[in-house]
Every structure is written in C-alpha cells, then in structure tokens.
Amino acid sequence: MRDGTSLDARLAERLAGLRGEHGWSLDELAERSGVSRSTLSRLERGEISPTAALLGKLCSVYGRTMSRLLMEVEREPFGVVRAARQAVWRDEEAGFVRRSVSPPHAGLRGEVIEGVLEPGADVPYDGPPVPGLEHHVWVLAGGPLEIRVGDEDHRLAAGDCLRFRLWGASRYRCPGPDPVRYAVVVVLP
C-alpha cells in the first residue's frame, strides 16, 4: 500500500487485491456477496466509499472482521496506539463513526472498537465475518443503543454491557434523541 494515500484509497486497493487473491471475477464476488457488480467495481476503483453494511458483506465473504480488514490498510501496528494514530472510519450516510482503538495484531485474539451512532442511525449486518466472534458491547455515553442479535432485541443505556457470541445477523440502532457512544471488545473464537 502506498504511504501517502487516504484510508479510502488504501481500502479500495486492498479490496481489489483480496478479490484477486481469491481468483474471483467481479461477477463471482457479486454473486457471493449480494452486492451489485457495478458497486463493487466503483468501490475497487475508489469512486465510492463503502458503507458499514457493504463492508460487513464483503468481510463475511472474505472471512475477516472489519477491524482486521482496516488493519490491513493501516501503515504499521504499534504496541501503544496513540489516540491520534487510531484509524477512524466514517459512514456518513448511515450516521456511524468507527474508531479502531486497539486494532487486531498478529498473535492477539482481541481488539477494542469505539462506535458512535447519530440519532436515527441503523446499521444492519447480514452475518459475522467469522462465526462465533465474541462481543462485549459497553455503552459509554448517550443513547440508548438498540442491538439485535439473531432474533433477540436488547436496549442498552449508558453503563450497560451486552456480551454474546455472534453466529448470525445483527443490527445496531440509535433511536435518539442523543447520539450513542459505545465500546466493543471483539475476541476471535
């Protein structure tokens, strides 16, 4: 990855590389992911920024967590991850900001993510990128945060923590009136 390129540009380059590593055409990836061929093409050329839902679908196909994918486009991991160096990714359309507080690292099984959802934000995921991922979701401020895990709905207030293993679809939603800030600890199975 080129050092001077933006995160979105490096992400586009990595997604194109992953497809190439699997030997898939755009049509094959479209069929596997449920994302249109034209969207995939525009994404890989860096013409559009991916939404959280779109990245979730691609991560599932490639068997990666979103954090692992974002880590792959980061320049270099550090033992101490200074706030100014933490990767921040925004899905403006969905009203979602994601910060890799402690990104994945070779040999370690856990990572810490900070999320902020604006009122009305609704981010669905079709399934986990890695079945059985352990999640600990801790609401830090604002809210409430509504989380659907499979067929179960949970409503969390500031200070509440939900822990689960993710096997199927999930959804994060902020009904408002205030934004919600939360931490997610993800542990590989």
Protein backbone atom coordinates (compact mmCIF):
# COMPACT_ATOMS: atom_id res chain seq x y z
CA MET A 1 0.00 0.00 0.00
CA ARG A 2 1.25 3.47 -0.80
CA ASP A 3 2.07 5.52 2.28
CA GLY A 4 0.60 8.85 1.13
CA THR A 5 -2.83 7.59 0.08
CA SER A 6 -6.04 8.11 2.02
CA LEU A 7 -7.63 5.33 4.07
CA ASP A 8 -10.45 5.04 1.50
CA ALA A 9 -7.94 4.70 -1.35
CA ARG A 10 -5.93 2.07 0.52
CA LEU A 11 -9.16 0.25 1.37
CA ALA A 12 -10.23 0.23 -2.28
CA GLU A 13 -6.81 -1.13 -3.26
CA ARG A 14 -6.98 -3.86 -0.61
CA LEU A 15 -10.49 -4.94 -1.59
CA ALA A 16 -9.37 -5.27 -5.22
CA GLY A 17 -6.36 -7.25 -4.01
CA LEU A 18 -8.48 -9.62 -1.93
CA ARG A 19 -10.70 -10.37 -4.90
CA GLY A 20 -7.58 -11.07 -6.96
CA GLU A 21 -6.12 -13.32 -4.25
CA HIS A 22 -9.30 -15.42 -4.38
CA GLY A 23 -9.24 -15.50 -8.18
CA TRP A 24 -12.80 -14.17 -8.41
CA SER A 25 -14.25 -12.05 -11.15
CA LEU A 26 -16.46 -9.10 -10.23
CA ASP A 27 -19.45 -11.24 -11.24
CA GLU A 28 -18.39 -14.05 -8.87
CA LEU A 29 -17.88 -11.63 -5.98
CA ALA A 30 -21.24 -10.01 -6.71
CA GLU A 31 -22.93 -13.41 -6.54
CA ARG A 32 -21.16 -14.38 -3.30
CA SER A 33 -21.73 -11.05 -1.54
CA GLY A 34 -25.11 -9.93 -2.84
CA VAL A 35 -23.54 -6.59 -3.86
CA SER A 36 -24.00 -5.42 -7.44
CA ARG A 37 -21.13 -5.77 -9.87
CA SER A 38 -21.21 -2.03 -10.65
CA THR A 39 -21.00 -1.10 -6.94
CA LEU A 40 -18.07 -3.47 -6.45
CA SER A 41 -16.29 -2.04 -9.47
CA ARG A 42 -16.77 1.56 -8.33
CA LEU A 43 -15.65 0.59 -4.81
CA GLU A 44 -12.45 -1.07 -6.02
CA ARG A 45 -11.63 1.95 -8.20
CA GLY A 46 -12.12 4.25 -5.20
CA GLU A 47 -15.02 6.10 -6.78
CA ILE A 48 -17.29 5.48 -3.77
CA SER A 49 -16.72 5.00 -0.06
CA PRO A 50 -18.17 1.80 1.37
CA THR A 51 -20.99 1.84 3.91
CA ALA A 52 -20.74 -0.24 7.08
CA ALA A 53 -23.32 -2.68 5.69
CA LEU A 54 -21.37 -3.07 2.43
CA LEU A 55 -18.07 -3.65 4.25
CA GLY A 56 -19.85 -6.15 6.51
CA LYS A 57 -20.97 -8.17 3.47
CA LEU A 58 -17.51 -8.15 1.94
CA CYS A 59 -15.82 -9.05 5.23
CA SER A 60 -18.17 -12.03 5.54
CA VAL A 61 -17.23 -13.24 2.07
CA TYR A 62 -13.52 -12.83 2.80
CA GLY A 63 -13.73 -14.29 6.35
CA ARG A 64 -12.32 -11.18 8.03
CA THR A 65 -13.54 -8.89 10.75
CA MET A 66 -13.96 -5.28 9.71
CA SER A 67 -11.17 -4.35 12.10
CA ARG A 68 -8.81 -6.87 10.54
CA LEU A 69 -9.57 -5.51 7.07
CA LEU A 70 -8.98 -1.94 8.26
CA MET A 71 -5.78 -3.05 9.99
CA GLU A 72 -4.55 -4.46 6.68
CA VAL A 73 -4.72 -0.99 5.14
CA GLU A 74 -3.06 0.74 8.07
CA ARG A 75 0.57 1.64 7.71
CA GLU A 76 2.12 -0.15 10.70
CA PRO A 77 0.80 -1.53 14.00
CA PHE A 78 2.22 -0.17 17.26
CA GLY A 79 2.27 -1.60 20.81
CA VAL A 80 0.93 1.70 22.11
CA VAL A 81 -1.82 3.01 19.89
CA ARG A 82 -1.94 6.77 20.44
CA ALA A 83 -5.33 8.40 20.03
CA ALA A 84 -4.11 10.49 17.11
CA ARG A 85 -2.98 7.34 15.24
CA GLN A 86 -6.14 5.28 15.76
CA ALA A 87 -7.86 4.60 12.46
CA VAL A 88 -11.22 6.35 12.20
CA TRP A 89 -13.69 5.31 9.53
CA ARG A 90 -16.93 7.16 8.82
CA ASP A 91 -20.12 6.04 7.16
CA GLU A 92 -21.70 9.48 6.74
CA GLU A 93 -24.77 8.05 5.03
CA ALA A 94 -25.59 5.78 7.98
CA GLY A 95 -24.50 8.25 10.71
CA PHE A 96 -21.82 5.88 12.02
CA VAL A 97 -18.23 6.57 13.12
CA ARG A 98 -15.90 3.68 13.98
CA ARG A 99 -12.53 4.05 15.71
CA SER A 100 -10.08 1.13 15.96
CA VAL A 101 -8.89 1.86 19.50
CA SER A 102 -6.79 -1.28 19.76
CA PRO A 103 -6.72 -2.86 16.29
CA PRO A 104 -6.05 -6.54 15.68
CA HIS A 105 -2.46 -7.65 15.71
CA ALA A 106 -0.81 -10.91 14.71
CA GLY A 107 -0.84 -13.34 17.61
CA LEU A 108 -3.51 -11.48 19.59
CA ARG A 109 -7.15 -12.54 19.59
CA GLY A 110 -8.88 -9.38 20.84
CA GLU A 111 -9.47 -5.84 19.68
CA VAL A 112 -11.26 -2.78 21.02
CA ILE A 113 -13.52 -0.63 18.84
CA GLU A 114 -15.30 2.62 19.66
CA GLY A 115 -18.53 3.36 17.83
CA VAL A 116 -20.68 6.47 17.65
CA LEU A 117 -24.15 6.35 16.16
CA GLU A 118 -26.13 9.51 15.44
CA PRO A 119 -29.85 9.59 16.30
CA GLY A 120 -31.73 7.55 13.71
CA ALA A 121 -28.64 5.59 12.64
CA ASP A 122 -29.43 1.97 11.83
CA VAL A 123 -26.57 -0.35 10.81
CA PRO A 124 -27.51 -3.94 9.88
CA TYR A 125 -25.03 -6.76 9.31
CA ASP A 126 -26.07 -9.90 7.41
CA GLY A 127 -23.80 -12.15 9.45
CA PRO A 128 -20.47 -12.28 11.21
CA PRO A 129 -17.29 -12.25 9.17
CA VAL A 130 -16.05 -15.05 11.42
CA PRO A 131 -18.74 -17.27 13.01
CA GLY A 132 -18.70 -17.36 16.81
CA LEU A 133 -16.99 -13.99 17.33
CA GLU A 134 -17.24 -13.00 20.99
CA HIS A 135 -18.57 -9.45 21.51
CA HIS A 136 -18.75 -7.28 24.63
CA VAL A 137 -20.67 -4.06 23.90
CA TRP A 138 -20.39 -1.37 26.59
CA VAL A 139 -22.38 1.85 26.25
CA LEU A 140 -20.16 4.74 27.31
CA ALA A 141 -22.46 7.75 26.85
CA GLY A 142 -25.71 8.91 25.31
CA GLY A 143 -28.14 6.50 23.90
CA PRO A 144 -29.95 4.35 24.16
CA LEU A 145 -28.34 1.74 21.91
CA GLU A 146 -30.60 -0.93 20.47
CA ILE A 147 -28.89 -4.13 19.38
CA ARG A 148 -30.49 -7.09 17.65
CA VAL A 149 -28.51 -10.32 17.82
CA GLY A 150 -30.22 -13.02 15.78
CA ASP A 151 -33.87 -12.80 16.89
CA GLU A 152 -33.18 -11.14 20.25
CA ASP A 153 -33.54 -7.41 20.83
CA HIS A 154 -31.59 -5.57 23.53
CA ARG A 155 -31.87 -1.94 24.65
CA LEU A 156 -28.80 -0.61 26.44
CA ALA A 157 -28.38 2.59 28.44
CA ALA A 158 -25.12 4.30 29.44
CA GLY A 159 -23.06 1.92 31.58
CA ASP A 160 -24.84 -1.25 30.35
CA CYS A 161 -22.82 -4.07 28.78
CA LEU A 162 -24.11 -6.83 26.48
CA ARG A 163 -21.96 -9.87 25.78
CA PHE A 164 -22.65 -12.52 23.17
CA ARG A 165 -21.20 -14.79 20.51
CA LEU A 166 -22.25 -13.78 17.04
CA TRP A 167 -23.46 -16.56 14.75
CA GLY A 168 -25.98 -14.75 12.53
CA ALA A 169 -27.34 -11.36 11.59
CA SER A 170 -27.07 -8.36 13.89
CA ARG A 171 -28.15 -4.72 13.91
CA TYR A 172 -27.03 -1.63 15.83
CA ARG A 173 -29.52 1.23 16.10
CA CYS A 174 -29.66 4.60 17.88
CA PRO A 175 -33.30 5.70 18.28
CA GLY A 176 -32.20 9.04 19.80
CA PRO A 177 -32.74 11.67 20.91
CA ASP A 178 -28.97 11.79 21.61
CA PRO A 179 -26.05 10.12 19.81
CA VAL A 180 -24.71 7.00 21.49
CA ARG A 181 -21.01 6.26 22.09
CA TYR A 182 -20.03 2.67 22.87
CA ALA A 183 -17.05 0.34 23.03
CA VAL A 184 -16.96 -3.12 21.52
CA VAL A 185 -14.41 -5.72 22.58
CA VAL A 186 -14.19 -8.41 19.89
CA VAL A 187 -12.42 -11.71 20.58
CA LEU A 188 -11.76 -14.26 17.86
CA PRO A 189 -13.05 -17.78 18.62
